[in-house]
Amino acid sequence: MARPALVRVGNLRLMAIPATLVRLSPTVFEKSPAVGRDDVADQITRTMRMAGYVVSKTNPFANTPVHSAHARVA
């Protein structure tokens, strides 16, 4: 069964990591200290392959669609 995206822990409302990641803007990832750290990326790739995952490296920001969240449709 899938975990809920939002859970309450005491007075805190917490989001699951996957739900949080898909809501982040590209700027968060571009400014991350891990960006440009090929050694970290290679280690993650090796670990995932050892765990049986098929991994291919791509730049998710290479083909950024042109749109505006604030654009109005007439």
C-alpha atoms as a PDB file:
ATOM      1  CA  MET A   1       0.000   0.000   0.000  1.00  0.00           C
ATOM      2  CA  ALA A   2       1.313   3.476  -0.889  1.00  0.00           C
ATOM      3  CA  ARG A   3       2.298   5.814   1.897  1.00  0.00           C
ATOM      4  CA  PRO A   4       0.258   9.000   2.215  1.00  0.00           C
ATOM      5  CA  ALA A   5       1.896  12.140   0.812  1.00  0.00           C
ATOM      6  CA  LEU A   6       1.070  14.104   3.976  1.00  0.00           C
ATOM      7  CA  VAL A   7       1.258  12.822   7.548  1.00  0.00           C
ATOM      8  CA  ARG A   8       0.843  14.480  10.927  1.00  0.00           C
ATOM      9  CA  VAL A   9       3.505  14.050  13.591  1.00  0.00           C
ATOM     10  CA  GLY A  10       2.423  15.924  16.665  1.00  0.00           C
ATOM     11  CA  ASN A  11       1.716  19.476  15.536  1.00  0.00           C
ATOM     12  CA  LEU A  12       3.740  19.090  12.336  1.00  0.00           C
ATOM     13  CA  ARG A  13       2.414  18.267   8.885  1.00  0.00           C
ATOM     14  CA  LEU A  14       5.147  16.410   7.010  1.00  0.00           C
ATOM     15  CA  MET A  15       5.309  15.443   3.351  1.00  0.00           C
ATOM     16  CA  ALA A  16       6.827  12.203   2.122  1.00  0.00           C
ATOM     17  CA  ILE A  17      10.141  12.696   0.289  1.00  0.00           C
ATOM     18  CA  PRO A  18       8.845  11.718  -3.196  1.00  0.00           C
ATOM     19  CA  ALA A  19       5.862  14.063  -2.845  1.00  0.00           C
ATOM     20  CA  THR A  20       8.187  16.855  -1.759  1.00  0.00           C
ATOM     21  CA  LEU A  21      10.693  16.329  -4.570  1.00  0.00           C
ATOM     22  CA  VAL A  22       8.100  16.544  -7.339  1.00  0.00           C
ATOM     23  CA  ARG A  23       6.873  19.875  -5.968  1.00  0.00           C
ATOM     24  CA  LEU A  24      10.285  21.566  -5.870  1.00  0.00           C
ATOM     25  CA  SER A  25      11.258  24.086  -8.517  1.00  0.00           C
ATOM     26  CA  PRO A  26      14.292  23.500 -10.763  1.00  0.00           C
ATOM     27  CA  THR A  27      16.085  26.314  -8.897  1.00  0.00           C
ATOM     28  CA  VAL A  28      16.301  24.154  -5.769  1.00  0.00           C
ATOM     29  CA  PHE A  29      18.216  21.493  -7.671  1.00  0.00           C
ATOM     30  CA  GLU A  30      20.352  23.969  -9.611  1.00  0.00           C
ATOM     31  CA  LYS A  31      21.529  25.640  -6.390  1.00  0.00           C
ATOM     32  CA  SER A  32      22.076  22.357  -4.547  1.00  0.00           C
ATOM     33  CA  PRO A  33      25.636  21.794  -3.315  1.00  0.00           C
ATOM     34  CA  ALA A  34      25.587  18.385  -5.052  1.00  0.00           C
ATOM     35  CA  VAL A  35      25.210  19.949  -8.521  1.00  0.00           C
ATOM     36  CA  GLY A  36      28.461  19.570 -10.396  1.00  0.00           C
ATOM     37  CA  ARG A  37      29.707  16.877  -8.003  1.00  0.00           C
ATOM     38  CA  ASP A  38      30.353  14.077 -10.466  1.00  0.00           C
ATOM     39  CA  ASP A  39      31.884  11.914  -7.729  1.00  0.00           C
ATOM     40  CA  VAL A  40      28.621  11.961  -5.768  1.00  0.00           C
ATOM     41  CA  ALA A  41      26.551  11.263  -8.881  1.00  0.00           C
ATOM     42  CA  ASP A  42      28.809   8.361  -9.864  1.00  0.00           C
ATOM     43  CA  GLN A  43      28.564   6.831  -6.379  1.00  0.00           C
ATOM     44  CA  ILE A  44      24.765   7.069  -6.419  1.00  0.00           C
ATOM     45  CA  THR A  45      24.695   5.504  -9.894  1.00  0.00           C
ATOM     46  CA  ARG A  46      26.959   2.616  -8.845  1.00  0.00           C
ATOM     47  CA  THR A  47      24.898   1.974  -5.710  1.00  0.00           C
ATOM     48  CA  MET A  48      21.610   1.943  -7.620  1.00  0.00           C
ATOM     49  CA  ARG A  49      23.015  -0.421 -10.263  1.00  0.00           C
ATOM     50  CA  MET A  50      24.296  -2.753  -7.539  1.00  0.00           C
ATOM     51  CA  ALA A  51      20.768  -2.764  -6.130  1.00  0.00           C
ATOM     52  CA  GLY A  52      19.451  -3.914  -9.507  1.00  0.00           C
ATOM     53  CA  TYR A  53      18.130  -0.640 -10.906  1.00  0.00           C
ATOM     54  CA  VAL A  54      18.666   0.405 -14.517  1.00  0.00           C
ATOM     55  CA  VAL A  55      20.168   3.877 -14.368  1.00  0.00           C
ATOM     56  CA  SER A  56      20.829   6.410 -17.105  1.00  0.00           C
ATOM     57  CA  LYS A  57      22.161   9.904 -16.512  1.00  0.00           C
ATOM     58  CA  THR A  58      20.166  12.762 -18.008  1.00  0.00           C
ATOM     59  CA  ASN A  59      19.905  16.471 -17.354  1.00  0.00           C
ATOM     60  CA  PRO A  60      16.255  17.138 -16.464  1.00  0.00           C
ATOM     61  CA  PHE A  61      16.778  20.856 -17.092  1.00  0.00           C
ATOM     62  CA  ALA A  62      18.256  20.555 -20.596  1.00  0.00           C
ATOM     63  CA  ASN A  63      14.882  20.954 -22.342  1.00  0.00           C
ATOM     64  CA  THR A  64      12.952  23.269 -20.079  1.00  0.00           C
ATOM     65  CA  PRO A  65       9.445  23.883 -21.437  1.00  0.00           C
ATOM     66  CA  VAL A  66       8.577  27.518 -21.961  1.00  0.00           C
ATOM     67  CA  HIS A  67       5.588  28.411 -19.821  1.00  0.00           C
ATOM     68  CA  SER A  68       4.621  30.662 -16.988  1.00  0.00           C
ATOM     69  CA  ALA A  69       2.631  29.658 -13.957  1.00  0.00           C
ATOM     70  CA  HIS A  70       1.395  33.246 -13.811  1.00  0.00           C
ATOM     71  CA  ALA A  71       0.260  33.568 -17.420  1.00  0.00           C
ATOM     72  CA  ARG A  72      -3.372  34.426 -17.921  1.00  0.00           C
ATOM     73  CA  VAL A  73      -5.495  32.802 -20.565  1.00  0.00           C
ATOM     74  CA  ALA A  74      -7.877  35.248 -22.223  1.00  0.00           C
END
